[in-house]
N, C-alpha and C. Protein backbone atom coordinates (compact mmCIF):
# COMPACT_ATOMS: atom_id res chain seq x y z
N MET A 1 0.84 -1.17 0.00
CA MET A 1 0.00 0.00 0.00
C MET A 1 0.89 1.24 0.00
N LEU A 2 0.50 2.22 -0.75
CA LEU A 2 1.25 3.46 -0.81
C LEU A 2 1.19 4.18 0.53
N PRO A 3 2.24 4.89 0.92
CA PRO A 3 2.22 5.59 2.20
C PRO A 3 1.20 6.72 2.25
N ALA A 4 0.65 7.11 1.11
CA ALA A 4 -0.30 8.21 1.09
C ALA A 4 -1.69 7.78 1.54
N SER A 5 -1.89 6.51 1.87
CA SER A 5 -3.20 6.06 2.31
C SER A 5 -3.06 5.02 3.39
N ARG A 6 -4.19 4.69 3.98
CA ARG A 6 -4.16 3.68 5.02
C ARG A 6 -5.54 3.07 5.21
N LEU A 7 -5.55 1.83 5.67
CA LEU A 7 -6.79 1.17 6.04
C LEU A 7 -6.96 1.34 7.54
N LEU A 8 -8.17 1.69 7.95
CA LEU A 8 -8.44 1.94 9.36
C LEU A 8 -9.69 1.18 9.78
N PRO A 9 -9.86 0.92 11.07
CA PRO A 9 -11.08 0.24 11.52
C PRO A 9 -12.30 1.05 11.13
N ALA A 10 -13.33 0.35 10.66
CA ALA A 10 -14.56 1.03 10.27
C ALA A 10 -15.14 1.73 11.48
N GLY A 11 -15.64 2.93 11.26
CA GLY A 11 -16.28 3.66 12.33
C GLY A 11 -15.47 4.80 12.89
N ARG A 12 -14.18 4.80 12.63
CA ARG A 12 -13.39 5.93 13.13
C ARG A 12 -12.11 6.04 12.31
N THR A 13 -11.53 7.21 12.32
CA THR A 13 -10.27 7.42 11.63
C THR A 13 -9.29 8.08 12.58
N ASN A 14 -8.04 7.82 12.36
CA ASN A 14 -6.99 8.47 13.13
C ASN A 14 -6.32 9.45 12.17
N ASP A 15 -6.72 10.69 12.21
CA ASP A 15 -6.27 11.67 11.24
C ASP A 15 -5.13 12.48 11.84
N GLU A 16 -3.92 12.01 11.64
CA GLU A 16 -2.75 12.65 12.23
C GLU A 16 -2.44 14.00 11.60
N GLU A 17 -2.83 14.17 10.33
CA GLU A 17 -2.48 15.41 9.64
C GLU A 17 -3.11 16.64 10.29
N ASN A 18 -4.36 16.51 10.76
CA ASN A 18 -4.99 17.70 11.35
C ASN A 18 -5.13 17.58 12.86
N GLY A 19 -4.49 16.57 13.46
CA GLY A 19 -4.45 16.45 14.90
C GLY A 19 -5.71 15.90 15.53
N SER A 20 -6.72 15.62 14.78
CA SER A 20 -7.97 15.10 15.32
C SER A 20 -7.85 13.59 15.51
N LYS A 21 -8.23 13.11 16.68
CA LYS A 21 -8.09 11.69 16.96
C LYS A 21 -9.16 10.87 16.24
N PHE A 22 -10.40 11.28 16.34
CA PHE A 22 -11.48 10.58 15.67
C PHE A 22 -12.27 11.58 14.84
N THR A 23 -12.31 11.37 13.54
CA THR A 23 -13.05 12.30 12.69
C THR A 23 -14.38 11.72 12.25
N ARG A 24 -14.60 10.43 12.52
CA ARG A 24 -15.85 9.82 12.12
C ARG A 24 -16.18 8.71 13.10
N ASP A 25 -17.32 8.77 13.72
CA ASP A 25 -17.69 7.78 14.72
C ASP A 25 -19.09 7.28 14.42
N LEU A 26 -19.24 5.98 14.15
CA LEU A 26 -20.53 5.44 13.77
C LEU A 26 -21.53 5.44 14.92
N THR A 27 -21.07 5.60 16.14
CA THR A 27 -22.03 5.68 17.24
C THR A 27 -22.87 6.95 17.15
N SER A 28 -22.40 7.95 16.41
CA SER A 28 -23.20 9.17 16.24
C SER A 28 -24.49 8.88 15.48
N TYR A 29 -24.48 7.85 14.61
CA TYR A 29 -25.71 7.47 13.91
C TYR A 29 -26.76 7.00 14.90
N LYS A 30 -26.34 6.20 15.87
CA LYS A 30 -27.27 5.70 16.88
C LYS A 30 -27.81 6.87 17.70
N LEU A 31 -26.94 7.81 18.03
CA LEU A 31 -27.35 8.97 18.80
C LEU A 31 -28.39 9.78 18.03
N LYS A 32 -28.19 9.96 16.72
CA LYS A 32 -29.17 10.70 15.92
C LYS A 32 -30.54 10.02 15.95
N LYS A 33 -30.54 8.68 15.93
CA LYS A 33 -31.80 7.95 15.96
C LYS A 33 -32.51 8.20 17.28
N VAL A 34 -31.78 8.20 18.40
CA VAL A 34 -32.37 8.47 19.71
C VAL A 34 -32.92 9.89 19.75
N VAL A 35 -32.14 10.84 19.25
CA VAL A 35 -32.58 12.24 19.23
C VAL A 35 -33.86 12.38 18.42
N ARG A 36 -33.92 11.74 17.25
CA ARG A 36 -35.13 11.81 16.42
C ARG A 36 -36.34 11.27 17.18
N CYS A 37 -36.14 10.18 17.90
CA CYS A 37 -37.24 9.57 18.67
C CYS A 37 -37.69 10.51 19.79
N LEU A 38 -36.74 11.09 20.52
CA LEU A 38 -37.08 12.00 21.62
C LEU A 38 -37.79 13.25 21.10
N GLN A 39 -37.46 13.66 19.89
CA GLN A 39 -38.10 14.83 19.30
C GLN A 39 -39.41 14.45 18.61
N ASP A 40 -39.80 13.19 18.74
CA ASP A 40 -41.01 12.67 18.10
C ASP A 40 -40.96 12.84 16.58
N ARG A 41 -39.77 12.64 16.01
CA ARG A 41 -39.57 12.72 14.56
C ARG A 41 -39.20 11.33 14.06
N LYS A 42 -40.08 10.39 14.26
CA LYS A 42 -39.79 8.98 13.99
C LYS A 42 -39.79 8.64 12.51
N ASP A 43 -40.55 9.34 11.73
CA ASP A 43 -40.65 9.01 10.32
C ASP A 43 -39.52 9.67 9.53
N LEU A 44 -38.63 8.86 9.04
CA LEU A 44 -37.48 9.35 8.27
C LEU A 44 -37.79 9.20 6.80
N LYS A 45 -37.64 10.27 6.06
CA LYS A 45 -37.90 10.25 4.63
C LYS A 45 -36.58 10.35 3.87
N LYS A 46 -36.58 9.82 2.66
CA LYS A 46 -35.34 9.78 1.87
C LYS A 46 -34.81 11.18 1.56
N GLN A 47 -35.63 12.19 1.60
CA GLN A 47 -35.16 13.54 1.33
C GLN A 47 -34.63 14.25 2.57
N ASP A 48 -34.76 13.63 3.76
CA ASP A 48 -34.25 14.23 5.00
C ASP A 48 -32.72 14.26 4.99
N ALA A 49 -32.17 15.24 5.68
CA ALA A 49 -30.71 15.41 5.75
C ALA A 49 -30.03 14.21 6.40
N ASP A 50 -30.71 13.56 7.34
CA ASP A 50 -30.13 12.42 8.05
C ASP A 50 -30.19 11.12 7.26
N TRP A 51 -30.91 11.10 6.16
CA TRP A 51 -31.12 9.85 5.42
C TRP A 51 -29.81 9.18 5.01
N GLY A 52 -28.86 9.92 4.50
CA GLY A 52 -27.59 9.34 4.05
C GLY A 52 -26.84 8.66 5.18
N ALA A 53 -26.79 9.31 6.34
CA ALA A 53 -26.09 8.73 7.49
C ALA A 53 -26.80 7.48 7.98
N VAL A 54 -28.11 7.49 8.00
CA VAL A 54 -28.88 6.32 8.44
C VAL A 54 -28.71 5.18 7.45
N PHE A 55 -28.73 5.48 6.17
CA PHE A 55 -28.56 4.46 5.13
C PHE A 55 -27.17 3.82 5.25
N GLU A 56 -26.14 4.63 5.42
CA GLU A 56 -24.78 4.11 5.57
C GLU A 56 -24.67 3.28 6.85
N SER A 57 -25.34 3.69 7.90
CA SER A 57 -25.33 2.94 9.15
C SER A 57 -26.00 1.58 8.98
N PHE A 58 -27.09 1.55 8.24
CA PHE A 58 -27.79 0.28 7.94
C PHE A 58 -26.84 -0.68 7.21
N ILE A 59 -26.15 -0.18 6.21
CA ILE A 59 -25.21 -1.02 5.45
C ILE A 59 -24.06 -1.47 6.36
N PHE A 60 -23.56 -0.56 7.20
CA PHE A 60 -22.50 -0.93 8.14
C PHE A 60 -22.93 -2.10 9.01
N HIS A 61 -24.13 -2.04 9.55
CA HIS A 61 -24.59 -3.11 10.44
C HIS A 61 -24.73 -4.43 9.69
N GLU A 62 -25.18 -4.40 8.46
CA GLU A 62 -25.25 -5.62 7.65
C GLU A 62 -23.85 -6.19 7.41
N LEU A 63 -22.91 -5.32 7.05
CA LEU A 63 -21.54 -5.77 6.79
C LEU A 63 -20.88 -6.30 8.06
N LYS A 64 -21.09 -5.62 9.17
CA LYS A 64 -20.51 -6.06 10.44
C LYS A 64 -21.07 -7.43 10.85
N THR A 65 -22.36 -7.59 10.70
CA THR A 65 -23.00 -8.86 11.03
C THR A 65 -22.48 -9.97 10.12
N TYR A 66 -22.40 -9.69 8.83
CA TYR A 66 -21.88 -10.67 7.88
C TYR A 66 -20.43 -11.04 8.22
N SER A 67 -19.61 -10.04 8.49
CA SER A 67 -18.19 -10.29 8.79
C SER A 67 -18.03 -11.15 10.04
N GLU A 68 -18.81 -10.87 11.05
CA GLU A 68 -18.73 -11.67 12.27
C GLU A 68 -19.27 -13.08 12.05
N TYR A 69 -20.36 -13.20 11.32
CA TYR A 69 -20.96 -14.50 11.05
C TYR A 69 -20.02 -15.39 10.25
N ARG A 70 -19.35 -14.81 9.27
CA ARG A 70 -18.43 -15.56 8.41
C ARG A 70 -17.00 -15.62 8.97
N ARG A 71 -16.79 -14.96 10.12
CA ARG A 71 -15.48 -14.93 10.79
C ARG A 71 -14.39 -14.36 9.89
N LEU A 72 -14.72 -13.26 9.26
CA LEU A 72 -13.77 -12.56 8.40
C LEU A 72 -12.97 -11.57 9.23
N ASP A 73 -11.92 -11.02 8.62
CA ASP A 73 -11.20 -9.93 9.27
C ASP A 73 -12.19 -8.80 9.49
N ASP A 74 -11.90 -7.96 10.47
CA ASP A 74 -12.80 -6.86 10.76
C ASP A 74 -12.91 -5.91 9.57
N LEU A 75 -13.98 -5.16 9.54
CA LEU A 75 -14.17 -4.16 8.48
C LEU A 75 -13.14 -3.05 8.63
N SER A 76 -12.76 -2.49 7.51
CA SER A 76 -11.86 -1.35 7.49
C SER A 76 -12.51 -0.21 6.73
N TYR A 77 -11.84 0.88 6.74
CA TYR A 77 -12.27 2.10 6.06
C TYR A 77 -11.00 2.72 5.50
N TRP A 78 -11.06 3.27 4.30
CA TRP A 78 -9.87 3.79 3.64
C TRP A 78 -9.98 5.30 3.48
N ARG A 79 -8.84 5.95 3.72
CA ARG A 79 -8.77 7.39 3.49
C ARG A 79 -7.36 7.74 3.03
N SER A 80 -7.29 8.52 1.96
CA SER A 80 -5.99 8.96 1.46
C SER A 80 -5.60 10.25 2.18
N THR A 81 -4.34 10.59 2.11
CA THR A 81 -3.90 11.85 2.73
C THR A 81 -4.46 13.06 1.99
N SER A 82 -4.88 12.85 0.73
CA SER A 82 -5.49 13.96 -0.01
C SER A 82 -6.99 14.07 0.22
N GLY A 83 -7.54 13.21 1.10
CA GLY A 83 -8.94 13.36 1.49
C GLY A 83 -9.94 12.45 0.82
N PHE A 84 -9.52 11.59 -0.10
CA PHE A 84 -10.44 10.63 -0.70
C PHE A 84 -10.79 9.57 0.33
N GLU A 85 -12.04 9.11 0.31
CA GLU A 85 -12.48 8.11 1.27
C GLU A 85 -13.29 7.02 0.59
N VAL A 86 -13.23 5.83 1.16
CA VAL A 86 -14.11 4.72 0.80
C VAL A 86 -14.68 4.20 2.11
N ASP A 87 -15.98 4.02 2.14
CA ASP A 87 -16.69 3.73 3.38
C ASP A 87 -16.26 2.42 4.05
N PHE A 88 -16.14 1.33 3.28
CA PHE A 88 -15.85 0.04 3.88
C PHE A 88 -14.90 -0.78 3.02
N ILE A 89 -14.02 -1.51 3.69
CA ILE A 89 -13.16 -2.50 3.06
C ILE A 89 -13.50 -3.82 3.76
N ILE A 90 -13.95 -4.80 2.99
CA ILE A 90 -14.35 -6.09 3.55
C ILE A 90 -13.22 -7.09 3.37
N ASN A 91 -12.74 -7.64 4.47
CA ASN A 91 -11.76 -8.72 4.46
C ASN A 91 -10.51 -8.39 3.64
N ASN A 92 -10.14 -7.14 3.58
CA ASN A 92 -8.98 -6.68 2.80
C ASN A 92 -9.04 -7.10 1.33
N GLN A 93 -10.26 -7.24 0.80
CA GLN A 93 -10.45 -7.67 -0.59
C GLN A 93 -11.39 -6.78 -1.39
N VAL A 94 -12.46 -6.31 -0.74
CA VAL A 94 -13.54 -5.64 -1.46
C VAL A 94 -13.78 -4.25 -0.88
N ALA A 95 -13.76 -3.24 -1.75
CA ALA A 95 -14.06 -1.86 -1.36
C ALA A 95 -15.54 -1.59 -1.63
N VAL A 96 -16.21 -0.98 -0.67
CA VAL A 96 -17.63 -0.67 -0.81
C VAL A 96 -17.86 0.79 -0.45
N GLU A 97 -18.40 1.53 -1.39
CA GLU A 97 -18.80 2.92 -1.17
C GLU A 97 -20.32 2.95 -1.13
N VAL A 98 -20.88 3.66 -0.17
CA VAL A 98 -22.33 3.74 0.02
C VAL A 98 -22.80 5.14 -0.33
N LYS A 99 -23.77 5.22 -1.22
CA LYS A 99 -24.40 6.49 -1.60
C LYS A 99 -25.91 6.32 -1.48
N SER A 100 -26.57 7.29 -0.90
CA SER A 100 -28.01 7.19 -0.71
C SER A 100 -28.81 7.70 -1.91
N CYS A 101 -28.13 8.12 -2.95
CA CYS A 101 -28.78 8.74 -4.11
C CYS A 101 -29.64 7.75 -4.91
N LYS A 102 -30.59 8.30 -5.64
CA LYS A 102 -31.46 7.48 -6.50
C LYS A 102 -30.84 7.23 -7.87
N LYS A 103 -29.84 8.04 -8.22
CA LYS A 103 -29.15 7.88 -9.51
C LYS A 103 -27.68 8.23 -9.29
N VAL A 104 -26.79 7.28 -9.60
CA VAL A 104 -25.37 7.53 -9.41
C VAL A 104 -24.82 8.35 -10.58
N ASN A 105 -23.79 9.12 -10.29
CA ASN A 105 -23.11 9.86 -11.34
C ASN A 105 -21.60 9.73 -11.15
N ASN A 106 -20.84 10.25 -12.07
CA ASN A 106 -19.39 10.09 -12.08
C ASN A 106 -18.71 10.54 -10.79
N SER A 107 -19.19 11.60 -10.18
CA SER A 107 -18.55 12.11 -8.95
C SER A 107 -18.69 11.16 -7.77
N ASP A 108 -19.67 10.27 -7.80
CA ASP A 108 -19.87 9.31 -6.72
C ASP A 108 -18.74 8.28 -6.65
N PHE A 109 -17.96 8.16 -7.71
CA PHE A 109 -16.93 7.13 -7.81
C PHE A 109 -15.53 7.62 -7.45
N LYS A 110 -15.37 8.88 -7.09
CA LYS A 110 -14.01 9.43 -6.94
C LYS A 110 -13.18 8.72 -5.87
N GLY A 111 -13.77 8.38 -4.72
CA GLY A 111 -13.03 7.66 -3.69
C GLY A 111 -12.63 6.27 -4.15
N LEU A 112 -13.56 5.56 -4.77
CA LEU A 112 -13.26 4.21 -5.28
C LEU A 112 -12.18 4.25 -6.36
N LYS A 113 -12.25 5.24 -7.24
CA LYS A 113 -11.23 5.37 -8.29
C LYS A 113 -9.85 5.64 -7.71
N ALA A 114 -9.80 6.48 -6.67
CA ALA A 114 -8.51 6.79 -6.04
C ALA A 114 -7.93 5.53 -5.38
N LEU A 115 -8.76 4.77 -4.70
CA LEU A 115 -8.28 3.54 -4.08
C LEU A 115 -7.90 2.51 -5.13
N GLN A 116 -8.69 2.40 -6.17
CA GLN A 116 -8.41 1.46 -7.25
C GLN A 116 -7.07 1.72 -7.91
N SER A 117 -6.67 2.97 -7.99
CA SER A 117 -5.40 3.32 -8.62
C SER A 117 -4.20 2.74 -7.85
N GLU A 118 -4.41 2.40 -6.58
CA GLU A 118 -3.35 1.77 -5.79
C GLU A 118 -3.22 0.28 -6.07
N GLY A 119 -4.26 -0.32 -6.66
CA GLY A 119 -4.21 -1.72 -7.06
C GLY A 119 -4.06 -2.72 -5.94
N ILE A 120 -4.63 -2.46 -4.78
CA ILE A 120 -4.42 -3.35 -3.64
C ILE A 120 -5.60 -4.28 -3.34
N LEU A 121 -6.77 -4.02 -3.94
CA LEU A 121 -7.95 -4.84 -3.66
C LEU A 121 -8.43 -5.55 -4.92
N LYS A 122 -9.31 -6.52 -4.73
CA LYS A 122 -9.79 -7.34 -5.85
C LYS A 122 -11.06 -6.83 -6.47
N LYS A 123 -11.91 -6.14 -5.69
CA LYS A 123 -13.22 -5.74 -6.18
C LYS A 123 -13.60 -4.37 -5.62
N TYR A 124 -14.29 -3.57 -6.44
CA TYR A 124 -14.70 -2.22 -6.06
C TYR A 124 -16.18 -2.07 -6.39
N ILE A 125 -16.99 -1.74 -5.37
CA ILE A 125 -18.44 -1.70 -5.54
C ILE A 125 -19.00 -0.41 -4.95
N LEU A 126 -19.90 0.20 -5.69
CA LEU A 126 -20.67 1.34 -5.19
C LEU A 126 -22.11 0.86 -5.06
N ILE A 127 -22.69 1.02 -3.87
CA ILE A 127 -24.09 0.64 -3.69
C ILE A 127 -24.91 1.88 -3.40
N SER A 128 -26.14 1.86 -3.90
CA SER A 128 -27.00 3.04 -3.77
C SER A 128 -28.46 2.63 -3.90
N ASN A 129 -29.33 3.61 -3.98
CA ASN A 129 -30.75 3.40 -4.23
C ASN A 129 -31.07 3.43 -5.73
N ASP A 130 -30.05 3.54 -6.55
CA ASP A 130 -30.24 3.51 -8.01
C ASP A 130 -30.64 2.08 -8.39
N PRO A 131 -31.77 1.90 -9.06
CA PRO A 131 -32.23 0.54 -9.38
C PRO A 131 -31.46 -0.12 -10.53
N ILE A 132 -30.61 0.65 -11.21
CA ILE A 132 -29.91 0.13 -12.39
C ILE A 132 -28.51 -0.35 -12.00
N ARG A 133 -28.22 -1.60 -12.32
CA ARG A 133 -26.89 -2.18 -12.11
C ARG A 133 -26.05 -1.81 -13.33
N GLN A 134 -24.84 -1.28 -13.09
CA GLN A 134 -23.99 -0.83 -14.21
C GLN A 134 -22.53 -0.87 -13.83
N LYS A 135 -21.68 -0.88 -14.84
CA LYS A 135 -20.23 -0.84 -14.64
C LYS A 135 -19.73 0.54 -15.04
N TRP A 136 -18.88 1.11 -14.22
CA TRP A 136 -18.19 2.36 -14.51
C TRP A 136 -16.71 1.98 -14.53
N ASP A 137 -16.15 1.85 -15.68
CA ASP A 137 -14.81 1.27 -15.85
C ASP A 137 -14.88 -0.14 -15.24
N SER A 138 -14.10 -0.43 -14.24
CA SER A 138 -14.18 -1.77 -13.62
C SER A 138 -14.83 -1.72 -12.24
N ILE A 139 -15.54 -0.64 -11.95
CA ILE A 139 -16.25 -0.50 -10.68
C ILE A 139 -17.71 -0.84 -10.91
N LEU A 140 -18.23 -1.72 -10.08
CA LEU A 140 -19.62 -2.15 -10.20
C LEU A 140 -20.51 -1.26 -9.34
N ALA A 141 -21.52 -0.67 -9.96
CA ALA A 141 -22.54 0.08 -9.23
C ALA A 141 -23.79 -0.78 -9.20
N MET A 142 -24.35 -0.96 -8.01
CA MET A 142 -25.50 -1.86 -7.90
C MET A 142 -26.48 -1.38 -6.84
N PRO A 143 -27.76 -1.76 -7.01
CA PRO A 143 -28.75 -1.43 -5.97
C PRO A 143 -28.39 -2.11 -4.66
N TYR A 144 -28.67 -1.43 -3.56
CA TYR A 144 -28.27 -1.96 -2.26
C TYR A 144 -28.92 -3.31 -1.96
N ASP A 145 -30.17 -3.52 -2.38
CA ASP A 145 -30.81 -4.80 -2.08
C ASP A 145 -30.17 -5.95 -2.84
N ASP A 146 -29.72 -5.70 -4.08
CA ASP A 146 -28.97 -6.71 -4.82
C ASP A 146 -27.65 -7.02 -4.11
N PHE A 147 -26.99 -5.96 -3.64
CA PHE A 147 -25.72 -6.13 -2.93
C PHE A 147 -25.91 -7.01 -1.70
N LEU A 148 -26.92 -6.71 -0.90
CA LEU A 148 -27.14 -7.48 0.33
C LEU A 148 -27.48 -8.93 0.03
N GLN A 149 -28.26 -9.16 -0.98
CA GLN A 149 -28.58 -10.54 -1.36
C GLN A 149 -27.32 -11.29 -1.79
N GLU A 150 -26.50 -10.66 -2.62
CA GLU A 150 -25.27 -11.30 -3.07
C GLU A 150 -24.26 -11.46 -1.93
N LEU A 151 -24.23 -10.49 -1.02
CA LEU A 151 -23.35 -10.60 0.14
C LEU A 151 -23.68 -11.85 0.94
N TRP A 152 -24.94 -12.02 1.30
CA TRP A 152 -25.35 -13.14 2.13
C TRP A 152 -25.34 -14.47 1.38
N ASN A 153 -25.30 -14.41 0.05
CA ASN A 153 -25.12 -15.63 -0.76
C ASN A 153 -23.65 -15.90 -1.04
N ASP A 154 -22.77 -15.16 -0.38
CA ASP A 154 -21.31 -15.32 -0.51
C ASP A 154 -20.81 -15.09 -1.94
N GLN A 155 -21.40 -14.12 -2.63
CA GLN A 155 -20.97 -13.79 -3.98
C GLN A 155 -20.14 -12.51 -4.05
N ILE A 156 -19.98 -11.82 -2.93
CA ILE A 156 -19.23 -10.56 -2.90
C ILE A 156 -17.81 -10.79 -2.42
N VAL A 157 -17.66 -11.46 -1.30
CA VAL A 157 -16.35 -11.71 -0.69
C VAL A 157 -15.88 -13.09 -1.10
N PHE A 158 -14.59 -13.21 -1.37
CA PHE A 158 -14.02 -14.47 -1.86
C PHE A 158 -13.64 -15.38 -0.72
């Protein structure tokens, strides 16, 4: 792996460049859910600002459960020193970027493309609410429900 990037435990990053110890904590998703409930804002709509974080949290929990069930290495998260990120690395083989959008576009792939240029993983996947399965270069974009079905059928991780 190039020194300009690193794999980190999913849920938090150790960002030495700006001195911040944790720049992303998945427990904040749980806290937002509690806050929404206390505010009696239980109905979450796809257009709400919190939707993306909740969607990513849902995928995280599926991946974490799958990883533990299959006894895989823990989930990782990738970030380059130039700020590119990929949400999840499964078993040091598969990169997964999560987007809550209904239609993917070229800018949604920038983190995956940056990681792919390092050539360290076997598969690169973007999952979203877009119902159309498509290839962008060698990156697979797929609907999240297809991804979860293939994940649990052991078609994603080798």
